[in-house]
Each structure stands twice: as structure tokens, then as C-alpha cells.
Amino acid sequence: MKKIEAIIRPEKLLDVKQALDDLGFHGLTITQVTGRGAQRGIVHQGRGGETVTVDILPKTKVEVVVPDTAVERVIEAIIRSARTGNIGDGKIFVIPVEEAVRVRTGERGDVAI
């Protein structure tokens, strides 16, 4: 099993959620986060003509645990649904998951996800 963490633009969340749903992955965790990457923020024109740099931007983190066999399909679905082609589209991280346990039933492994 792998945990896929995708940091995406907040406005792309519904598209990513639908793409994962279409693949049959309904369980996910969404967290509103802030951060910066290669984009290093955006510059706004402030009052009086002064420039203001906002270097910590709002992003959305989507977490989903999937069987090893589904990792590439999920990554591709996230890329297709989250990409705008502009800097700041986000990152995807793939993390090994040793075990998953469904609290309600005690089921373990792939059936628990």
C-alpha cells in the first residue's frame, strides 16, 4: 500500500476529487494548508503603488491510501485533473504504508482501505 499526498491549488479540489471517485477511490482526507515551493509566492500592487509579495500561499492537501497496483493510475488522474500548466500547480508525494486497519471491523490490509 502507498499513501499519496498531493498538494494542489484549492480551486482544483473538486476536479481531483471527481477524478479519484471515477477510479473508485472514495476515501480521502483533505487539509487546507499554506506553503511555498518553486513559485515563491506572488507579487501584488499595494495601495500607493507599493509592491507586496505574498510568499506563503493557500494550497489543499489531498491524501489517499491505495494498493500498490493503483499508484500510477491515481498519480496520472491527479495530474490530469490538477494541472493548469502554470507554476504553482503542486506536488505529489508517494509514501509507503506498512498497515491499514479499519476500526469498525478490524479488517487489515488492502480490504481496509
PDB file of N, CA and C in Angstrom:
ATOM      1  N   MET A   1       0.840  -1.180   0.000  1.00  0.00           N
ATOM      2  CA  MET A   1       0.000   0.000   0.000  1.00  0.00           C
ATOM      3  C   MET A   1       0.879   1.235   0.000  1.00  0.00           C
ATOM      4  N   LYS A   2       0.324   2.297  -0.591  1.00  0.00           N
ATOM      5  CA  LYS A   2       1.020   3.576  -0.622  1.00  0.00           C
ATOM      6  C   LYS A   2       0.041   4.685  -0.249  1.00  0.00           C
ATOM      7  N   LYS A   3       0.584   5.674   0.434  1.00  0.00           N
ATOM      8  CA  LYS A   3      -0.181   6.887   0.717  1.00  0.00           C
ATOM      9  C   LYS A   3       0.270   7.924  -0.294  1.00  0.00           C
ATOM     10  N   ILE A   4      -0.682   8.472  -1.022  1.00  0.00           N
ATOM     11  CA  ILE A   4      -0.381   9.514  -1.989  1.00  0.00           C
ATOM     12  C   ILE A   4      -0.840  10.834  -1.401  1.00  0.00           C
ATOM     13  N   GLU A   5       0.097  11.762  -1.268  1.00  0.00           N
ATOM     14  CA  GLU A   5      -0.202  13.104  -0.796  1.00  0.00           C
ATOM     15  C   GLU A   5      -0.016  14.046  -1.970  1.00  0.00           C
ATOM     16  N   ALA A   6      -1.057  14.756  -2.307  1.00  0.00           N
ATOM     17  CA  ALA A   6      -0.997  15.720  -3.399  1.00  0.00           C
ATOM     18  C   ALA A   6      -1.265  17.105  -2.852  1.00  0.00           C
ATOM     19  N   ILE A   7      -0.346  18.015  -3.104  1.00  0.00           N
ATOM     20  CA  ILE A   7      -0.521  19.416  -2.740  1.00  0.00           C
ATOM     21  C   ILE A   7      -0.969  20.108  -4.027  1.00  0.00           C
ATOM     22  N   ILE A   8      -2.179  20.653  -4.018  1.00  0.00           N
ATOM     23  CA  ILE A   8      -2.765  21.202  -5.243  1.00  0.00           C
ATOM     24  C   ILE A   8      -3.324  22.602  -5.003  1.00  0.00           C
ATOM     25  N   ARG A   9      -3.698  23.242  -6.084  1.00  0.00           N
ATOM     26  CA  ARG A   9      -4.397  24.526  -5.987  1.00  0.00           C
ATOM     27  C   ARG A   9      -5.791  24.265  -5.391  1.00  0.00           C
ATOM     28  N   PRO A  10      -6.237  25.111  -4.470  1.00  0.00           N
ATOM     29  CA  PRO A  10      -7.552  24.892  -3.854  1.00  0.00           C
ATOM     30  C   PRO A  10      -8.692  24.820  -4.871  1.00  0.00           C
ATOM     31  N   GLU A  11      -8.609  25.591  -5.934  1.00  0.00           N
ATOM     32  CA  GLU A  11      -9.689  25.608  -6.920  1.00  0.00           C
ATOM     33  C   GLU A  11      -9.759  24.335  -7.765  1.00  0.00           C
ATOM     34  N   LYS A  12      -8.754  23.449  -7.657  1.00  0.00           N
ATOM     35  CA  LYS A  12      -8.748  22.198  -8.404  1.00  0.00           C
ATOM     36  C   LYS A  12      -9.247  21.017  -7.572  1.00  0.00           C
ATOM     37  N   LEU A  13      -9.634  21.265  -6.327  1.00  0.00           N
ATOM     38  CA  LEU A  13     -10.041  20.172  -5.435  1.00  0.00           C
ATOM     39  C   LEU A  13     -11.211  19.369  -5.994  1.00  0.00           C
ATOM     40  N   LEU A  14     -12.255  20.025  -6.448  1.00  0.00           N
ATOM     41  CA  LEU A  14     -13.421  19.278  -6.943  1.00  0.00           C
ATOM     42  C   LEU A  14     -13.057  18.415  -8.144  1.00  0.00           C
ATOM     43  N   ASP A  15     -12.192  18.909  -9.014  1.00  0.00           N
ATOM     44  CA  ASP A  15     -11.757  18.126 -10.174  1.00  0.00           C
ATOM     45  C   ASP A  15     -10.969  16.890  -9.741  1.00  0.00           C
ATOM     46  N   VAL A  16     -10.059  17.069  -8.777  1.00  0.00           N
ATOM     47  CA  VAL A  16      -9.260  15.946  -8.288  1.00  0.00           C
ATOM     48  C   VAL A  16     -10.149  14.937  -7.577  1.00  0.00           C
ATOM     49  N   LYS A  17     -11.053  15.425  -6.750  1.00  0.00           N
ATOM     50  CA  LYS A  17     -11.970  14.539  -6.033  1.00  0.00           C
ATOM     51  C   LYS A  17     -12.794  13.708  -7.012  1.00  0.00           C
ATOM     52  N   GLN A  18     -13.285  14.334  -8.075  1.00  0.00           N
ATOM     53  CA  GLN A  18     -14.074  13.616  -9.077  1.00  0.00           C
ATOM     54  C   GLN A  18     -13.220  12.583  -9.813  1.00  0.00           C
ATOM     55  N   ALA A  19     -11.987  12.939 -10.124  1.00  0.00           N
ATOM     56  CA  ALA A  19     -11.090  12.004 -10.819  1.00  0.00           C
ATOM     57  C   ALA A  19     -10.813  10.773  -9.960  1.00  0.00           C
ATOM     58  N   LEU A  20     -10.598  10.972  -8.664  1.00  0.00           N
ATOM     59  CA  LEU A  20     -10.368   9.843  -7.759  1.00  0.00           C
ATOM     60  C   LEU A  20     -11.640   9.016  -7.613  1.00  0.00           C
ATOM     61  N   ASP A  21     -12.765   9.678  -7.520  1.00  0.00           N
ATOM     62  CA  ASP A  21     -14.049   8.996  -7.430  1.00  0.00           C
ATOM     63  C   ASP A  21     -14.290   8.129  -8.671  1.00  0.00           C
ATOM     64  N   ASP A  22     -13.966   8.663  -9.838  1.00  0.00           N
ATOM     65  CA  ASP A  22     -14.129   7.922 -11.091  1.00  0.00           C
ATOM     66  C   ASP A  22     -13.283   6.653 -11.117  1.00  0.00           C
ATOM     67  N   LEU A  23     -12.144   6.670 -10.416  1.00  0.00           N
ATOM     68  CA  LEU A  23     -11.285   5.484 -10.326  1.00  0.00           C
ATOM     69  C   LEU A  23     -11.742   4.509  -9.243  1.00  0.00           C
ATOM     70  N   GLY A  24     -12.724   4.928  -8.435  1.00  0.00           N
ATOM     71  CA  GLY A  24     -13.216   4.062  -7.372  1.00  0.00           C
ATOM     72  C   GLY A  24     -12.578   4.312  -6.020  1.00  0.00           C
ATOM     73  N   PHE A  25     -11.847   5.411  -5.894  1.00  0.00           N
ATOM     74  CA  PHE A  25     -11.227   5.751  -4.612  1.00  0.00           C
ATOM     75  C   PHE A  25     -12.032   6.872  -3.974  1.00  0.00           C
ATOM     76  N   HIS A  26     -12.908   6.483  -3.049  1.00  0.00           N
ATOM     77  CA  HIS A  26     -13.840   7.426  -2.442  1.00  0.00           C
ATOM     78  C   HIS A  26     -13.313   7.972  -1.121  1.00  0.00           C
ATOM     79  N   GLY A  27     -12.480   7.200  -0.423  1.00  0.00           N
ATOM     80  CA  GLY A  27     -11.965   7.625   0.874  1.00  0.00           C
ATOM     81  C   GLY A  27     -10.727   8.479   0.713  1.00  0.00           C
ATOM     82  N   LEU A  28     -10.791   9.689   1.224  1.00  0.00           N
ATOM     83  CA  LEU A  28      -9.637  10.569   1.165  1.00  0.00           C
ATOM     84  C   LEU A  28      -9.700  11.567   2.302  1.00  0.00           C
ATOM     85  N   THR A  29      -8.594  12.203   2.545  1.00  0.00           N
ATOM     86  CA  THR A  29      -8.510  13.238   3.574  1.00  0.00           C
ATOM     87  C   THR A  29      -8.086  14.529   2.902  1.00  0.00           C
ATOM     88  N   ILE A  30      -8.773  15.606   3.245  1.00  0.00           N
ATOM     89  CA  ILE A  30      -8.485  16.928   2.673  1.00  0.00           C
ATOM     90  C   ILE A  30      -8.059  17.851   3.807  1.00  0.00           C
ATOM     91  N   THR A  31      -6.960  18.554   3.596  1.00  0.00           N
ATOM     92  CA  THR A  31      -6.473  19.512   4.582  1.00  0.00           C
ATOM     93  C   THR A  31      -6.142  20.816   3.876  1.00  0.00           C
ATOM     94  N   GLN A  32      -6.611  21.918   4.420  1.00  0.00           N
ATOM     95  CA  GLN A  32      -6.226  23.226   3.890  1.00  0.00           C
ATOM     96  C   GLN A  32      -4.882  23.587   4.509  1.00  0.00           C
ATOM     97  N   VAL A  33      -3.888  23.853   3.669  1.00  0.00           N
ATOM     98  CA  VAL A  33      -2.532  24.129   4.133  1.00  0.00           C
ATOM     99  C   VAL A  33      -2.025  25.414   3.497  1.00  0.00           C
ATOM    100  N   THR A  34      -0.910  25.899   3.992  1.00  0.00           N
ATOM    101  CA  THR A  34      -0.220  27.018   3.353  1.00  0.00           C
ATOM    102  C   THR A  34       1.228  26.629   3.171  1.00  0.00           C
ATOM    103  N   GLY A  35       1.849  27.198   2.170  1.00  0.00           N
ATOM    104  CA  GLY A  35       3.250  26.886   1.940  1.00  0.00           C
ATOM    105  C   GLY A  35       3.770  27.597   0.718  1.00  0.00           C
ATOM    106  N   ARG A  36       4.978  27.202   0.345  1.00  0.00           N
ATOM    107  CA  ARG A  36       5.570  27.759  -0.865  1.00  0.00           C
ATOM    108  C   ARG A  36       6.514  26.744  -1.470  1.00  0.00           C
ATOM    109  N   GLY A  37       6.669  26.862  -2.749  1.00  0.00           N
ATOM    110  CA  GLY A  37       7.573  25.983  -3.483  1.00  0.00           C
ATOM    111  C   GLY A  37       8.342  26.815  -4.480  1.00  0.00           C
ATOM    112  N   ALA A  38       8.521  26.286  -5.675  1.00  0.00           N
ATOM    113  CA  ALA A  38       9.265  26.992  -6.710  1.00  0.00           C
ATOM    114  C   ALA A  38       8.599  28.314  -7.088  1.00  0.00           C
ATOM    115  N   GLN A  39       7.292  28.384  -6.895  1.00  0.00           N
ATOM    116  CA  GLN A  39       6.545  29.595  -7.230  1.00  0.00           C
ATOM    117  C   GLN A  39       7.026  30.786  -6.403  1.00  0.00           C
ATOM    118  N   ARG A  40       7.405  30.536  -5.164  1.00  0.00           N
ATOM    119  CA  ARG A  40       7.903  31.539  -4.221  1.00  0.00           C
ATOM    120  C   ARG A  40       6.952  32.703  -4.009  1.00  0.00           C
ATOM    121  N   GLY A  41       5.671  32.448  -4.199  1.00  0.00           N
ATOM    122  CA  GLY A  41       4.680  33.471  -3.904  1.00  0.00           C
ATOM    123  C   GLY A  41       4.298  34.298  -5.110  1.00  0.00           C
ATOM    124  N   ILE A  42       3.484  35.306  -4.835  1.00  0.00           N
ATOM    125  CA  ILE A  42       3.010  36.204  -5.890  1.00  0.00           C
ATOM    126  C   ILE A  42       3.189  37.642  -5.428  1.00  0.00           C
ATOM    127  N   VAL A  43       3.340  38.547  -6.379  1.00  0.00           N
ATOM    128  CA  VAL A  43       3.533  39.964  -6.078  1.00  0.00           C
ATOM    129  C   VAL A  43       2.250  40.698  -6.412  1.00  0.00           C
ATOM    130  N   HIS A  44       1.770  41.478  -5.444  1.00  0.00           N
ATOM    131  CA  HIS A  44       0.572  42.302  -5.631  1.00  0.00           C
ATOM    132  C   HIS A  44       0.977  43.766  -5.631  1.00  0.00           C
ATOM    133  N   GLN A  45       0.202  44.564  -6.343  1.00  0.00           N
ATOM    134  CA  GLN A  45       0.377  46.012  -6.287  1.00  0.00           C
ATOM    135  C   GLN A  45      -0.425  46.507  -5.099  1.00  0.00           C
ATOM    136  N   GLY A  46       0.251  47.061  -4.111  1.00  0.00           N
ATOM    137  CA  GLY A  46      -0.418  47.539  -2.908  1.00  0.00           C
ATOM    138  C   GLY A  46      -0.932  48.952  -3.069  1.00  0.00           C
ATOM    139  N   ARG A  47      -1.528  49.459  -2.014  1.00  0.00           N
ATOM    140  CA  ARG A  47      -2.010  50.847  -2.015  1.00  0.00           C
ATOM    141  C   ARG A  47      -0.822  51.789  -2.144  1.00  0.00           C
ATOM    142  N   GLY A  48      -1.023  52.841  -2.862  1.00  0.00           N
ATOM    143  CA  GLY A  48       0.048  53.822  -3.023  1.00  0.00           C
ATOM    144  C   GLY A  48       1.120  53.360  -3.990  1.00  0.00           C
ATOM    145  N   GLY A  49       0.865  52.298  -4.740  1.00  0.00           N
ATOM    146  CA  GLY A  49       1.816  51.842  -5.746  1.00  0.00           C
ATOM    147  C   GLY A  49       2.912  50.931  -5.240  1.00  0.00           C
ATOM    148  N   GLU A  50       2.941  50.664  -3.951  1.00  0.00           N
ATOM    149  CA  GLU A  50       3.985  49.788  -3.414  1.00  0.00           C
ATOM    150  C   GLU A  50       3.665  48.324  -3.726  1.00  0.00           C
ATOM    151  N   THR A  51       4.703  47.538  -3.917  1.00  0.00           N
ATOM    152  CA  THR A  51       4.506  46.116  -4.204  1.00  0.00           C
ATOM    153  C   THR A  51       4.564  45.308  -2.911  1.00  0.00           C
ATOM    154  N   VAL A  52       3.702  44.316  -2.848  1.00  0.00           N
ATOM    155  CA  VAL A  52       3.644  43.435  -1.686  1.00  0.00           C
ATOM    156  C   VAL A  52       3.810  42.000  -2.192  1.00  0.00           C
ATOM    157  N   THR A  53       4.767  41.281  -1.629  1.00  0.00           N
ATOM    158  CA  THR A  53       4.988  39.886  -2.010  1.00  0.00           C
ATOM    159  C   THR A  53       4.345  38.986  -0.969  1.00  0.00           C
ATOM    160  N   VAL A  54       3.467  38.111  -1.426  1.00  0.00           N
ATOM    161  CA  VAL A  54       2.864  37.108  -0.559  1.00  0.00           C
ATOM    162  C   VAL A  54       3.565  35.800  -0.906  1.00  0.00           C
ATOM    163  N   ASP A  55       4.422  35.326   0.006  1.00  0.00           N
ATOM    164  CA  ASP A  55       5.225  34.153  -0.342  1.00  0.00           C
ATOM    165  C   ASP A  55       4.748  32.856   0.304  1.00  0.00           C
ATOM    166  N   ILE A  56       3.732  32.915   1.124  1.00  0.00           N
ATOM    167  CA  ILE A  56       3.102  31.712   1.669  1.00  0.00           C
ATOM    168  C   ILE A  56       1.672  31.702   1.128  1.00  0.00           C
ATOM    169  N   LEU A  57       1.393  30.694   0.281  1.00  0.00           N
ATOM    170  CA  LEU A  57       0.118  30.664  -0.427  1.00  0.00           C
ATOM    171  C   LEU A  57      -0.781  29.539   0.069  1.00  0.00           C
ATOM    172  N   PRO A  58      -2.088  29.736  -0.011  1.00  0.00           N
ATOM    173  CA  PRO A  58      -3.007  28.665   0.368  1.00  0.00           C
ATOM    174  C   PRO A  58      -2.965  27.540  -0.660  1.00  0.00           C
ATOM    175  N   LYS A  59      -2.915  26.320  -0.178  1.00  0.00           N
ATOM    176  CA  LYS A  59      -2.950  25.118  -1.018  1.00  0.00           C
ATOM    177  C   LYS A  59      -3.878  24.120  -0.339  1.00  0.00           C
ATOM    178  N   THR A  60      -4.189  23.054  -1.041  1.00  0.00           N
ATOM    179  CA  THR A  60      -5.007  21.983  -0.492  1.00  0.00           C
ATOM    180  C   THR A  60      -4.216  20.695  -0.570  1.00  0.00           C
ATOM    181  N   LYS A  61      -4.186  19.963   0.545  1.00  0.00           N
ATOM    182  CA  LYS A  61      -3.508  18.660   0.554  1.00  0.00           C
ATOM    183  C   LYS A  61      -4.567  17.568   0.499  1.00  0.00           C
ATOM    184  N   VAL A  62      -4.416  16.695  -0.481  1.00  0.00           N
ATOM    185  CA  VAL A  62      -5.305  15.556  -0.653  1.00  0.00           C
ATOM    186  C   VAL A  62      -4.487  14.309  -0.326  1.00  0.00           C
ATOM    187  N   GLU A  63      -4.994  13.493   0.603  1.00  0.00           N
ATOM    188  CA  GLU A  63      -4.314  12.260   0.984  1.00  0.00           C
ATOM    189  C   GLU A  63      -5.216  11.078   0.692  1.00  0.00           C
ATOM    190  N   VAL A  64      -4.659  10.061   0.047  1.00  0.00           N
ATOM    191  CA  VAL A  64      -5.412   8.848  -0.255  1.00  0.00           C
ATOM    192  C   VAL A  64      -4.448   7.667  -0.166  1.00  0.00           C
ATOM    193  N   VAL A  65      -4.912   6.574   0.444  1.00  0.00           N
ATOM    194  CA  VAL A  65      -4.117   5.345   0.540  1.00  0.00           C
ATOM    195  C   VAL A  65      -4.683   4.365  -0.473  1.00  0.00           C
ATOM    196  N   VAL A  66      -3.780   3.808  -1.295  1.00  0.00           N
ATOM    197  CA  VAL A  66      -4.207   2.926  -2.383  1.00  0.00           C
ATOM    198  C   VAL A  66      -3.324   1.681  -2.417  1.00  0.00           C
ATOM    199  N   PRO A  67      -3.831   0.600  -3.020  1.00  0.00           N
ATOM    200  CA  PRO A  67      -2.982  -0.575  -3.224  1.00  0.00           C
ATOM    201  C   PRO A  67      -1.826  -0.227  -4.173  1.00  0.00           C
ATOM    202  N   ASP A  68      -0.725  -0.940  -4.044  1.00  0.00           N
ATOM    203  CA  ASP A  68       0.445  -0.687  -4.891  1.00  0.00           C
ATOM    204  C   ASP A  68       0.085  -0.700  -6.373  1.00  0.00           C
ATOM    205  N   THR A  69      -0.840  -1.561  -6.768  1.00  0.00           N
ATOM    206  CA  THR A  69      -1.203  -1.705  -8.180  1.00  0.00           C
ATOM    207  C   THR A  69      -1.926  -0.481  -8.744  1.00  0.00           C
ATOM    208  N   ALA A  70      -2.420   0.397  -7.880  1.00  0.00           N
ATOM    209  CA  ALA A  70      -3.198   1.554  -8.337  1.00  0.00           C
ATOM    210  C   ALA A  70      -2.412   2.861  -8.314  1.00  0.00           C
ATOM    211  N   VAL A  71      -1.188   2.834  -7.829  1.00  0.00           N
ATOM    212  CA  VAL A  71      -0.433   4.075  -7.616  1.00  0.00           C
ATOM    213  C   VAL A  71      -0.311   4.905  -8.895  1.00  0.00           C
ATOM    214  N   GLU A  72       0.131   4.306  -9.979  1.00  0.00           N
ATOM    215  CA  GLU A  72       0.344   5.069 -11.214  1.00  0.00           C
ATOM    216  C   GLU A  72      -0.966   5.624 -11.774  1.00  0.00           C
ATOM    217  N   ARG A  73      -2.041   4.858 -11.702  1.00  0.00           N
ATOM    218  CA  ARG A  73      -3.340   5.346 -12.185  1.00  0.00           C
ATOM    219  C   ARG A  73      -3.799   6.554 -11.377  1.00  0.00           C
ATOM    220  N   VAL A  74      -3.602   6.492 -10.067  1.00  0.00           N
ATOM    221  CA  VAL A  74      -4.019   7.597  -9.200  1.00  0.00           C
ATOM    222  C   VAL A  74      -3.156   8.830  -9.467  1.00  0.00           C
ATOM    223  N   ILE A  75      -1.862   8.644  -9.593  1.00  0.00           N
ATOM    224  CA  ILE A  75      -0.974   9.777  -9.885  1.00  0.00           C
ATOM    225  C   ILE A  75      -1.388  10.445 -11.193  1.00  0.00           C
ATOM    226  N   GLU A  76      -1.602   9.660 -12.230  1.00  0.00           N
ATOM    227  CA  GLU A  76      -1.986  10.213 -13.527  1.00  0.00           C
ATOM    228  C   GLU A  76      -3.324  10.947 -13.454  1.00  0.00           C
ATOM    229  N   ALA A  77      -4.267  10.404 -12.695  1.00  0.00           N
ATOM    230  CA  ALA A  77      -5.571  11.060 -12.546  1.00  0.00           C
ATOM    231  C   ALA A  77      -5.428  12.404 -11.835  1.00  0.00           C
ATOM    232  N   ILE A  78      -4.583  12.450 -10.825  1.00  0.00           N
ATOM    233  CA  ILE A  78      -4.366  13.713 -10.104  1.00  0.00           C
ATOM    234  C   ILE A  78      -3.702  14.730 -11.026  1.00  0.00           C
ATOM    235  N   ILE A  79      -2.689  14.297 -11.755  1.00  0.00           N
ATOM    236  CA  ILE A  79      -2.006  15.211 -12.670  1.00  0.00           C
ATOM    237  C   ILE A  79      -2.985  15.771 -13.695  1.00  0.00           C
ATOM    238  N   ARG A  80      -3.759  14.887 -14.324  1.00  0.00           N
ATOM    239  CA  ARG A  80      -4.714  15.338 -15.350  1.00  0.00           C
ATOM    240  C   ARG A  80      -5.722  16.342 -14.787  1.00  0.00           C
ATOM    241  N   SER A  81      -6.200  16.098 -13.587  1.00  0.00           N
ATOM    242  CA  SER A  81      -7.267  16.932 -13.039  1.00  0.00           C
ATOM    243  C   SER A  81      -6.769  18.178 -12.313  1.00  0.00           C
ATOM    244  N   ALA A  82      -5.505  18.212 -11.903  1.00  0.00           N
ATOM    245  CA  ALA A  82      -4.992  19.347 -11.134  1.00  0.00           C
ATOM    246  C   ALA A  82      -4.139  20.303 -11.967  1.00  0.00           C
ATOM    247  N   ARG A  83      -3.693  19.863 -13.119  1.00  0.00           N
ATOM    248  CA  ARG A  83      -2.744  20.660 -13.909  1.00  0.00           C
ATOM    249  C   ARG A  83      -3.426  21.849 -14.584  1.00  0.00           C
ATOM    250  N   THR A  84      -2.788  23.021 -14.421  1.00  0.00           N
ATOM    251  CA  THR A  84      -3.191  24.206 -15.179  1.00  0.00           C
ATOM    252  C   THR A  84      -2.109  24.559 -16.194  1.00  0.00           C
ATOM    253  N   GLY A  85      -0.908  24.045 -15.973  1.00  0.00           N
ATOM    254  CA  GLY A  85       0.222  24.375 -16.828  1.00  0.00           C
ATOM    255  C   GLY A  85       1.017  25.559 -16.325  1.00  0.00           C
ATOM    256  N   ASN A  86       0.596  26.126 -15.215  1.00  0.00           N
ATOM    257  CA  ASN A  86       1.288  27.279 -14.641  1.00  0.00           C
ATOM    258  C   ASN A  86       2.074  26.864 -13.408  1.00  0.00           C
ATOM    259  N   ILE A  87       3.078  27.656 -13.097  1.00  0.00           N
ATOM    260  CA  ILE A  87       3.857  27.404 -11.890  1.00  0.00           C
ATOM    261  C   ILE A  87       2.908  27.458 -10.691  1.00  0.00           C
ATOM    262  N   GLY A  88       3.120  26.582  -9.710  1.00  0.00           N
ATOM    263  CA  GLY A  88       2.258  26.541  -8.529  1.00  0.00           C
ATOM    264  C   GLY A  88       1.173  25.483  -8.600  1.00  0.00           C
ATOM    265  N   ASP A  89       1.234  24.598  -9.613  1.00  0.00           N
ATOM    266  CA  ASP A  89       0.231  23.532  -9.727  1.00  0.00           C
ATOM    267  C   ASP A  89       0.339  22.507  -8.616  1.00  0.00           C
ATOM    268  N   GLY A  90       1.502  22.373  -7.985  1.00  0.00           N
ATOM    269  CA  GLY A  90       1.623  21.495  -6.831  1.00  0.00           C
ATOM    270  C   GLY A  90       2.638  20.387  -6.973  1.00  0.00           C
ATOM    271  N   LYS A  91       2.555  19.444  -6.042  1.00  0.00           N
ATOM    272  CA  LYS A  91       3.463  18.299  -5.973  1.00  0.00           C
ATOM    273  C   LYS A  91       2.676  17.083  -5.524  1.00  0.00           C
ATOM    274  N   ILE A  92       3.214  15.913  -5.877  1.00  0.00           N
ATOM    275  CA  ILE A  92       2.649  14.644  -5.424  1.00  0.00           C
ATOM    276  C   ILE A  92       3.764  13.863  -4.749  1.00  0.00           C
ATOM    277  N   PHE A  93       3.470  13.328  -3.572  1.00  0.00           N
ATOM    278  CA  PHE A  93       4.421  12.503  -2.828  1.00  0.00           C
ATOM    279  C   PHE A  93       3.818  11.120  -2.632  1.00  0.00           C
ATOM    280  N   VAL A  94       4.646  10.093  -2.771  1.00  0.00           N
ATOM    281  CA  VAL A  94       4.206   8.714  -2.584  1.00  0.00           C
ATOM    282  C   VAL A  94       4.989   8.149  -1.403  1.00  0.00           C
ATOM    283  N   ILE A  95       4.246   7.648  -0.402  1.00  0.00           N
ATOM    284  CA  ILE A  95       4.832   7.223   0.868  1.00  0.00           C
ATOM    285  C   ILE A  95       4.401   5.780   1.149  1.00  0.00           C
ATOM    286  N   PRO A  96       5.331   4.904   1.517  1.00  0.00           N
ATOM    287  CA  PRO A  96       4.943   3.530   1.854  1.00  0.00           C
ATOM    288  C   PRO A  96       4.049   3.490   3.098  1.00  0.00           C
ATOM    289  N   VAL A  97       3.053   2.602   3.058  1.00  0.00           N
ATOM    290  CA  VAL A  97       2.175   2.382   4.207  1.00  0.00           C
ATOM    291  C   VAL A  97       2.346   0.927   4.619  1.00  0.00           C
ATOM    292  N   GLU A  98       2.755   0.728   5.848  1.00  0.00           N
ATOM    293  CA  GLU A  98       3.010  -0.626   6.340  1.00  0.00           C
ATOM    294  C   GLU A  98       1.732  -1.402   6.597  1.00  0.00           C
ATOM    295  N   GLU A  99       0.720  -0.752   7.144  1.00  0.00           N
ATOM    296  CA  GLU A  99      -0.511  -1.454   7.510  1.00  0.00           C
ATOM    297  C   GLU A  99      -1.673  -0.474   7.509  1.00  0.00           C
ATOM    298  N   ALA A 100      -2.851  -0.979   7.207  1.00  0.00           N
ATOM    299  CA  ALA A 100      -4.099  -0.223   7.329  1.00  0.00           C
ATOM    300  C   ALA A 100      -5.085  -1.106   8.085  1.00  0.00           C
ATOM    301  N   VAL A 101      -5.808  -0.515   9.012  1.00  0.00           N
ATOM    302  CA  VAL A 101      -6.782  -1.255   9.819  1.00  0.00           C
ATOM    303  C   VAL A 101      -8.081  -0.475   9.838  1.00  0.00           C
ATOM    304  N   ARG A 102      -9.172  -1.117   9.478  1.00  0.00           N
ATOM    305  CA  ARG A 102     -10.499  -0.495   9.581  1.00  0.00           C
ATOM    306  C   ARG A 102     -10.965  -0.658  11.020  1.00  0.00           C
ATOM    307  N   VAL A 103     -11.185   0.433  11.699  1.00  0.00           N
ATOM    308  CA  VAL A 103     -11.540   0.419  13.113  1.00  0.00           C
ATOM    309  C   VAL A 103     -12.848  -0.336  13.356  1.00  0.00           C
ATOM    310  N   ARG A 104     -13.849  -0.095  12.534  1.00  0.00           N
ATOM    311  CA  ARG A 104     -15.166  -0.689  12.740  1.00  0.00           C
ATOM    312  C   ARG A 104     -15.131  -2.218  12.730  1.00  0.00           C
ATOM    313  N   THR A 105     -14.377  -2.814  11.794  1.00  0.00           N
ATOM    314  CA  THR A 105     -14.421  -4.272  11.614  1.00  0.00           C
ATOM    315  C   THR A 105     -13.144  -4.997  12.002  1.00  0.00           C
ATOM    316  N   GLY A 106     -12.054  -4.247  12.126  1.00  0.00           N
ATOM    317  CA  GLY A 106     -10.772  -4.882  12.409  1.00  0.00           C
ATOM    318  C   GLY A 106     -10.082  -5.418  11.153  1.00  0.00           C
ATOM    319  N   GLU A 107     -10.702  -5.225   9.976  1.00  0.00           N
ATOM    320  CA  GLU A 107     -10.088  -5.702   8.728  1.00  0.00           C
ATOM    321  C   GLU A 107      -8.730  -5.012   8.545  1.00  0.00           C
ATOM    322  N   ARG A 108      -7.812  -5.755   7.921  1.00  0.00           N
ATOM    323  CA  ARG A 108      -6.458  -5.248   7.719  1.00  0.00           C
ATOM    324  C   ARG A 108      -6.040  -5.362   6.261  1.00  0.00           C
ATOM    325  N   GLY A 109      -5.070  -4.537   5.919  1.00  0.00           N
ATOM    326  CA  GLY A 109      -4.502  -4.597   4.578  1.00  0.00           C
ATOM    327  C   GLY A 109      -5.352  -3.865   3.549  1.00  0.00           C
ATOM    328  N   ASP A 110      -5.244  -4.301   2.286  1.00  0.00           N
ATOM    329  CA  ASP A 110      -5.942  -3.635   1.190  1.00  0.00           C
ATOM    330  C   ASP A 110      -7.457  -3.546   1.390  1.00  0.00           C
ATOM    331  N   VAL A 111      -8.046  -4.560   2.016  1.00  0.00           N
ATOM    332  CA  VAL A 111      -9.510  -4.528   2.222  1.00  0.00           C
ATOM    333  C   VAL A 111      -9.919  -3.429   3.201  1.00  0.00           C
ATOM    334  N   ALA A 112      -8.981  -2.971   4.015  1.00  0.00           N
ATOM    335  CA  ALA A 112      -9.275  -1.918   4.987  1.00  0.00           C
ATOM    336  C   ALA A 112      -9.267  -0.523   4.368  1.00  0.00           C
ATOM    337  N   ILE A 113      -8.714  -0.426   3.170  1.00  0.00           N
ATOM    338  CA  ILE A 113      -8.668   0.900   2.549  1.00  0.00           C
ATOM    339  C   ILE A 113      -9.803   1.039   1.566  1.00  0.00           C
TER     340      ILE A 113
END
